Amino acid sequence: HWDYNDALDGQLGTNSWKAMQRFLKA
């Protein structure tokens, strides 16, 4: 849903949270 394109590693790092912030902003 939010253009996350980093590793699916179970570590919510900067890129995971950027994608989440896009969702939360919208």
PDB file of all heavy atoms in Angstrom:
ATOM      1  N   HIS A   1       0.765  -1.242   0.000  1.00  0.00           N
ATOM      2  CA  HIS A   1       0.000   0.000   0.000  1.00  0.00           C
ATOM      3  C   HIS A   1       0.804   1.304   0.000  1.00  0.00           C
ATOM      4  O   HIS A   1       0.274   2.332  -0.422  1.00  0.00           O
ATOM      5  CB  HIS A   1      -0.934   0.027   1.215  1.00  0.00           C
ATOM      6  CG  HIS A   1      -1.960  -1.053   1.185  1.00  0.00           C
ATOM      7  ND1 HIS A   1      -3.005  -1.070   0.286  1.00  0.00           N
ATOM      8  CD2 HIS A   1      -2.090  -2.172   1.919  1.00  0.00           C
ATOM      9  CE1 HIS A   1      -3.740  -2.143   0.481  1.00  0.00           C
ATOM     10  NE2 HIS A   1      -3.207  -2.831   1.467  1.00  0.00           N
ATOM     11  N   TRP A   2       2.046   1.318   0.475  1.00  0.00           N
ATOM     12  CA  TRP A   2       2.721   2.591   0.708  1.00  0.00           C
ATOM     13  C   TRP A   2       4.152   2.649   0.192  1.00  0.00           C
ATOM     14  O   TRP A   2       5.001   3.335   0.737  1.00  0.00           O
ATOM     15  CB  TRP A   2       2.642   2.974   2.200  1.00  0.00           C
ATOM     16  CG  TRP A   2       1.207   3.233   2.511  1.00  0.00           C
ATOM     17  CD1 TRP A   2       0.336   2.370   3.106  1.00  0.00           C
ATOM     18  CD2 TRP A   2       0.463   4.373   2.139  1.00  0.00           C
ATOM     19  NE1 TRP A   2      -0.923   2.899   3.129  1.00  0.00           N
ATOM     20  CE2 TRP A   2      -0.873   4.150   2.544  1.00  0.00           C
ATOM     21  CE3 TRP A   2       0.764   5.575   1.500  1.00  0.00           C
ATOM     22  CZ2 TRP A   2      -1.891   5.074   2.323  1.00  0.00           C
ATOM     23  CZ3 TRP A   2      -0.249   6.489   1.288  1.00  0.00           C
ATOM     24  CH2 TRP A   2      -1.552   6.235   1.701  1.00  0.00           C
ATOM     25  N   ASP A   3       4.404   1.975  -0.911  1.00  0.00           N
ATOM     26  CA  ASP A   3       5.682   2.074  -1.624  1.00  0.00           C
ATOM     27  C   ASP A   3       6.907   1.753  -0.782  1.00  0.00           C
ATOM     28  O   ASP A   3       7.979   2.317  -0.992  1.00  0.00           O
ATOM     29  CB  ASP A   3       5.866   3.467  -2.254  1.00  0.00           C
ATOM     30  CG  ASP A   3       4.842   3.735  -3.342  1.00  0.00           C
ATOM     31  OD1 ASP A   3       4.464   2.766  -4.032  1.00  0.00           O
ATOM     32  OD2 ASP A   3       4.424   4.900  -3.485  1.00  0.00           O
ATOM     33  N   TYR A   4       6.755   0.846   0.167  1.00  0.00           N
ATOM     34  CA  TYR A   4       7.938   0.381   0.904  1.00  0.00           C
ATOM     35  C   TYR A   4       8.672  -0.581  -0.011  1.00  0.00           C
ATOM     36  O   TYR A   4       8.075  -1.519  -0.541  1.00  0.00           O
ATOM     37  CB  TYR A   4       7.526  -0.313   2.208  1.00  0.00           C
ATOM     38  CG  TYR A   4       8.683  -0.932   2.945  1.00  0.00           C
ATOM     39  CD1 TYR A   4       9.627  -0.138   3.584  1.00  0.00           C
ATOM     40  CD2 TYR A   4       8.849  -2.309   2.999  1.00  0.00           C
ATOM     41  CE1 TYR A   4      10.701  -0.698   4.258  1.00  0.00           C
ATOM     42  CE2 TYR A   4       9.917  -2.871   3.681  1.00  0.00           C
ATOM     43  CZ  TYR A   4      10.834  -2.071   4.301  1.00  0.00           C
ATOM     44  OH  TYR A   4      11.899  -2.620   4.973  1.00  0.00           O
ATOM     45  N   ASN A   5       9.961  -0.355  -0.245  1.00  0.00           N
ATOM     46  CA  ASN A   5      10.709  -1.229  -1.162  1.00  0.00           C
ATOM     47  C   ASN A   5      12.045  -1.670  -0.588  1.00  0.00           C
ATOM     48  O   ASN A   5      12.958  -1.984  -1.319  1.00  0.00           O
ATOM     49  CB  ASN A   5      10.901  -0.538  -2.513  1.00  0.00           C
ATOM     50  CG  ASN A   5      11.611   0.799  -2.375  1.00  0.00           C
ATOM     51  OD1 ASN A   5      12.134   1.127  -1.311  1.00  0.00           O
ATOM     52  ND2 ASN A   5      11.626   1.568  -3.449  1.00  0.00           N
ATOM     53  N   ASP A   6      12.122  -1.706   0.723  1.00  0.00           N
ATOM     54  CA  ASP A   6      13.343  -2.164   1.385  1.00  0.00           C
ATOM     55  C   ASP A   6      13.144  -3.632   1.784  1.00  0.00           C
ATOM     56  O   ASP A   6      12.141  -4.254   1.446  1.00  0.00           O
ATOM     57  CB  ASP A   6      13.627  -1.270   2.605  1.00  0.00           C
ATOM     58  CG  ASP A   6      15.121  -1.145   2.908  1.00  0.00           C
ATOM     59  OD1 ASP A   6      15.902  -1.974   2.412  1.00  0.00           O
ATOM     60  OD2 ASP A   6      15.488  -0.236   3.665  1.00  0.00           O
ATOM     61  N   ALA A   7      14.071  -4.161   2.545  1.00  0.00           N
ATOM     62  CA  ALA A   7      14.037  -5.570   2.941  1.00  0.00           C
ATOM     63  C   ALA A   7      12.836  -5.886   3.829  1.00  0.00           C
ATOM     64  O   ALA A   7      12.419  -5.075   4.646  1.00  0.00           O
ATOM     65  CB  ALA A   7      15.323  -5.923   3.689  1.00  0.00           C
ATOM     66  N   LEU A   8      12.307  -7.073   3.657  1.00  0.00           N
ATOM     67  CA  LEU A   8      11.284  -7.604   4.559  1.00  0.00           C
ATOM     68  C   LEU A   8      12.026  -8.384   5.637  1.00  0.00           C
ATOM     69  O   LEU A   8      12.090  -9.605   5.615  1.00  0.00           O
ATOM     70  CB  LEU A   8      10.309  -8.512   3.798  1.00  0.00           C
ATOM     71  CG  LEU A   8       9.458  -7.836   2.722  1.00  0.00           C
ATOM     72  CD1 LEU A   8       8.624  -8.844   1.972  1.00  0.00           C
ATOM     73  CD2 LEU A   8       8.591  -6.753   3.331  1.00  0.00           C
ATOM     74  N   ASP A   9      12.596  -7.646   6.577  1.00  0.00           N
ATOM     75  CA  ASP A   9      13.477  -8.248   7.575  1.00  0.00           C
ATOM     76  C   ASP A   9      12.934  -8.187   8.993  1.00  0.00           C
ATOM     77  O   ASP A   9      13.579  -8.629   9.934  1.00  0.00           O
ATOM     78  CB  ASP A   9      14.858  -7.585   7.519  1.00  0.00           C
ATOM     79  CG  ASP A   9      14.799  -6.080   7.777  1.00  0.00           C
ATOM     80  OD1 ASP A   9      13.701  -5.538   8.043  1.00  0.00           O
ATOM     81  OD2 ASP A   9      15.863  -5.435   7.694  1.00  0.00           O
ATOM     82  N   GLY A  10      11.744  -7.639   9.164  1.00  0.00           N
ATOM     83  CA  GLY A  10      11.172  -7.562  10.508  1.00  0.00           C
ATOM     84  C   GLY A  10      11.822  -6.507  11.390  1.00  0.00           C
ATOM     85  O   GLY A  10      11.648  -6.521  12.602  1.00  0.00           O
ATOM     86  N   GLN A  11      12.554  -5.597  10.777  1.00  0.00           N
ATOM     87  CA  GLN A  11      13.184  -4.490  11.504  1.00  0.00           C
ATOM     88  C   GLN A  11      12.568  -3.192  10.980  1.00  0.00           C
ATOM     89  O   GLN A  11      12.865  -2.780   9.869  1.00  0.00           O
ATOM     90  CB  GLN A  11      14.701  -4.484  11.279  1.00  0.00           C
ATOM     91  CG  GLN A  11      15.398  -5.764  11.673  1.00  0.00           C
ATOM     92  CD  GLN A  11      15.268  -6.068  13.155  1.00  0.00           C
ATOM     93  OE1 GLN A  11      15.474  -5.207  13.999  1.00  0.00           O
ATOM     94  NE2 GLN A  11      14.912  -7.291  13.467  1.00  0.00           N
ATOM     95  N   LEU A  12      11.711  -2.577  11.787  1.00  0.00           N
ATOM     96  CA  LEU A  12      11.067  -1.341  11.352  1.00  0.00           C
ATOM     97  C   LEU A  12      12.053  -0.191  11.505  1.00  0.00           C
ATOM     98  O   LEU A  12      12.138   0.446  12.546  1.00  0.00           O
ATOM     99  CB  LEU A  12       9.786  -1.084  12.154  1.00  0.00           C
ATOM    100  CG  LEU A  12       8.695  -2.158  12.023  1.00  0.00           C
ATOM    101  CD1 LEU A  12       7.481  -1.808  12.862  1.00  0.00           C
ATOM    102  CD2 LEU A  12       8.310  -2.370  10.563  1.00  0.00           C
ATOM    103  N   GLY A  13      12.796   0.017  10.444  1.00  0.00           N
ATOM    104  CA  GLY A  13      13.806   1.069  10.427  1.00  0.00           C
ATOM    105  C   GLY A  13      13.287   2.307   9.719  1.00  0.00           C
ATOM    106  O   GLY A  13      12.082   2.462   9.490  1.00  0.00           O
ATOM    107  N   THR A  14      14.200   3.169   9.335  1.00  0.00           N
ATOM    108  CA  THR A  14      13.854   4.457   8.750  1.00  0.00           C
ATOM    109  C   THR A  14      12.929   4.325   7.537  1.00  0.00           C
ATOM    110  O   THR A  14      11.921   5.032   7.445  1.00  0.00           O
ATOM    111  CB  THR A  14      15.150   5.202   8.352  1.00  0.00           C
ATOM    112  OG1 THR A  14      15.959   5.344   9.516  1.00  0.00           O
ATOM    113  CG2 THR A  14      14.848   6.568   7.776  1.00  0.00           C
ATOM    114  N   ASN A  15      13.236   3.424   6.620  1.00  0.00           N
ATOM    115  CA  ASN A  15      12.410   3.311   5.416  1.00  0.00           C
ATOM    116  C   ASN A  15      11.029   2.749   5.712  1.00  0.00           C
ATOM    117  O   ASN A  15      10.050   3.146   5.083  1.00  0.00           O
ATOM    118  CB  ASN A  15      13.127   2.487   4.345  1.00  0.00           C
ATOM    119  CG  ASN A  15      14.295   3.240   3.753  1.00  0.00           C
ATOM    120  OD1 ASN A  15      14.287   4.474   3.710  1.00  0.00           O
ATOM    121  ND2 ASN A  15      15.318   2.535   3.313  1.00  0.00           N
ATOM    122  N   SER A  16      10.925   1.844   6.667  1.00  0.00           N
ATOM    123  CA  SER A  16       9.609   1.337   7.075  1.00  0.00           C
ATOM    124  C   SER A  16       8.769   2.483   7.629  1.00  0.00           C
ATOM    125  O   SER A  16       7.587   2.643   7.278  1.00  0.00           O
ATOM    126  CB  SER A  16       9.750   0.256   8.153  1.00  0.00           C
ATOM    127  OG  SER A  16      10.447  -0.868   7.673  1.00  0.00           O
ATOM    128  N   TRP A  17       9.388   3.287   8.483  1.00  0.00           N
ATOM    129  CA  TRP A  17       8.646   4.380   9.107  1.00  0.00           C
ATOM    130  C   TRP A  17       8.347   5.510   8.129  1.00  0.00           C
ATOM    131  O   TRP A  17       7.323   6.199   8.258  1.00  0.00           O
ATOM    132  CB  TRP A  17       9.352   4.867  10.368  1.00  0.00           C
ATOM    133  CG  TRP A  17       9.107   3.891  11.481  1.00  0.00           C
ATOM    134  CD1 TRP A  17       9.984   2.977  11.987  1.00  0.00           C
ATOM    135  CD2 TRP A  17       7.875   3.694  12.186  1.00  0.00           C
ATOM    136  NE1 TRP A  17       9.369   2.216  12.973  1.00  0.00           N
ATOM    137  CE2 TRP A  17       8.074   2.650  13.106  1.00  0.00           C
ATOM    138  CE3 TRP A  17       6.622   4.292  12.117  1.00  0.00           C
ATOM    139  CZ2 TRP A  17       7.065   2.192  13.958  1.00  0.00           C
ATOM    140  CZ3 TRP A  17       5.611   3.847  12.967  1.00  0.00           C
ATOM    141  CH2 TRP A  17       5.844   2.804  13.873  1.00  0.00           C
ATOM    142  N   LYS A  18       9.175   5.704   7.122  1.00  0.00           N
ATOM    143  CA  LYS A  18       8.839   6.695   6.096  1.00  0.00           C
ATOM    144  C   LYS A  18       7.560   6.283   5.371  1.00  0.00           C
ATOM    145  O   LYS A  18       6.673   7.105   5.114  1.00  0.00           O
ATOM    146  CB  LYS A  18       9.982   6.850   5.086  1.00  0.00           C
ATOM    147  CG  LYS A  18      11.139   7.678   5.576  1.00  0.00           C
ATOM    148  CD  LYS A  18      12.210   7.780   4.486  1.00  0.00           C
ATOM    149  CE  LYS A  18      13.378   8.621   4.938  1.00  0.00           C
ATOM    150  NZ  LYS A  18      14.419   8.696   3.878  1.00  0.00           N
ATOM    151  N   ALA A  19       7.475   4.995   5.030  1.00  0.00           N
ATOM    152  CA  ALA A  19       6.261   4.499   4.370  1.00  0.00           C
ATOM    153  C   ALA A  19       5.057   4.647   5.301  1.00  0.00           C
ATOM    154  O   ALA A  19       3.978   5.078   4.876  1.00  0.00           O
ATOM    155  CB  ALA A  19       6.452   3.050   3.948  1.00  0.00           C
ATOM    156  N   MET A  20       5.225   4.324   6.575  1.00  0.00           N
ATOM    157  CA  MET A  20       4.122   4.464   7.534  1.00  0.00           C
ATOM    158  C   MET A  20       3.728   5.936   7.670  1.00  0.00           C
ATOM    159  O   MET A  20       2.546   6.264   7.748  1.00  0.00           O
ATOM    160  CB  MET A  20       4.539   3.883   8.890  1.00  0.00           C
ATOM    161  CG  MET A  20       3.447   3.962   9.949  1.00  0.00           C
ATOM    162  SD  MET A  20       1.964   2.996   9.565  1.00  0.00           S
ATOM    163  CE  MET A  20       2.515   1.363  10.014  1.00  0.00           C
ATOM    164  N   GLN A  21       4.698   6.827   7.678  1.00  0.00           N
ATOM    165  CA  GLN A  21       4.395   8.255   7.782  1.00  0.00           C
ATOM    166  C   GLN A  21       3.617   8.749   6.560  1.00  0.00           C
ATOM    167  O   GLN A  21       2.735   9.612   6.692  1.00  0.00           O
ATOM    168  CB  GLN A  21       5.683   9.072   7.979  1.00  0.00           C
ATOM    169  CG  GLN A  21       6.268   8.933   9.364  1.00  0.00           C
ATOM    170  CD  GLN A  21       7.651   9.544   9.487  1.00  0.00           C
ATOM    171  OE1 GLN A  21       8.408   9.657   8.509  1.00  0.00           O
ATOM    172  NE2 GLN A  21       8.017   9.931  10.708  1.00  0.00           N
ATOM    173  N   ARG A  22       3.911   8.209   5.382  1.00  0.00           N
ATOM    174  CA  ARG A  22       3.133   8.585   4.185  1.00  0.00           C
ATOM    175  C   ARG A  22       1.668   8.212   4.382  1.00  0.00           C
ATOM    176  O   ARG A  22       0.762   9.008   4.073  1.00  0.00           O
ATOM    177  CB  ARG A  22       3.709   7.917   2.929  1.00  0.00           C
ATOM    178  CG  ARG A  22       5.022   8.522   2.471  1.00  0.00           C
ATOM    179  CD  ARG A  22       5.426   8.054   1.077  1.00  0.00           C
ATOM    180  NE  ARG A  22       5.786   6.641   1.014  1.00  0.00           N
ATOM    181  CZ  ARG A  22       7.016   6.177   1.284  1.00  0.00           C
ATOM    182  NH1 ARG A  22       7.991   7.003   1.618  1.00  0.00           N
ATOM    183  NH2 ARG A  22       7.267   4.886   1.182  1.00  0.00           N
ATOM    184  N   PHE A  23       1.435   7.029   4.912  1.00  0.00           N
ATOM    185  CA  PHE A  23       0.065   6.574   5.199  1.00  0.00           C
ATOM    186  C   PHE A  23      -0.590   7.466   6.248  1.00  0.00           C
ATOM    187  O   PHE A  23      -1.720   7.945   6.055  1.00  0.00           O
ATOM    188  CB  PHE A  23       0.119   5.112   5.681  1.00  0.00           C
ATOM    189  CG  PHE A  23      -1.128   4.651   6.389  1.00  0.00           C
ATOM    190  CD1 PHE A  23      -2.332   4.533   5.715  1.00  0.00           C
ATOM    191  CD2 PHE A  23      -1.090   4.326   7.735  1.00  0.00           C
ATOM    192  CE1 PHE A  23      -3.489   4.100   6.374  1.00  0.00           C
ATOM    193  CE2 PHE A  23      -2.225   3.896   8.401  1.00  0.00           C
ATOM    194  CZ  PHE A  23      -3.427   3.791   7.715  1.00  0.00           C
ATOM    195  N   LEU A  24       0.124   7.706   7.331  1.00  0.00           N
ATOM    196  CA  LEU A  24      -0.437   8.507   8.425  1.00  0.00           C
ATOM    197  C   LEU A  24      -0.686   9.950   7.993  1.00  0.00           C
ATOM    198  O   LEU A  24      -1.653  10.582   8.437  1.00  0.00           O
ATOM    199  CB  LEU A  24       0.490   8.449   9.642  1.00  0.00           C
ATOM    200  CG  LEU A  24       0.664   7.058  10.271  1.00  0.00           C
ATOM    201  CD1 LEU A  24       1.767   7.083  11.331  1.00  0.00           C
ATOM    202  CD2 LEU A  24      -0.648   6.539  10.836  1.00  0.00           C
ATOM    203  N   LYS A  25       0.148  10.481   7.122  1.00  0.00           N
ATOM    204  CA  LYS A  25      -0.031  11.851   6.607  1.00  0.00           C
ATOM    205  C   LYS A  25      -1.282  11.918   5.731  1.00  0.00           C
ATOM    206  O   LYS A  25      -2.051  12.887   5.780  1.00  0.00           O
ATOM    207  CB  LYS A  25       1.203  12.286   5.825  1.00  0.00           C
ATOM    208  CG  LYS A  25       1.165  13.750   5.413  1.00  0.00           C
ATOM    209  CD  LYS A  25       2.485  14.190   4.791  1.00  0.00           C
ATOM    210  CE  LYS A  25       2.742  15.634   5.112  1.00  0.00           C
ATOM    211  NZ  LYS A  25       3.797  15.899   6.013  1.00  0.00           N
ATOM    212  N   ALA A  26      -1.489  10.890   4.924  1.00  0.00           N
ATOM    213  CA  ALA A  26      -2.623  10.876   3.999  1.00  0.00           C
ATOM    214  C   ALA A  26      -3.968  10.770   4.732  1.00  0.00           C
ATOM    215  O   ALA A  26      -4.960  11.352   4.281  1.00  0.00           O
ATOM    216  CB  ALA A  26      -2.471   9.720   3.007  1.00  0.00           C
TER     217      ALA A  26
END
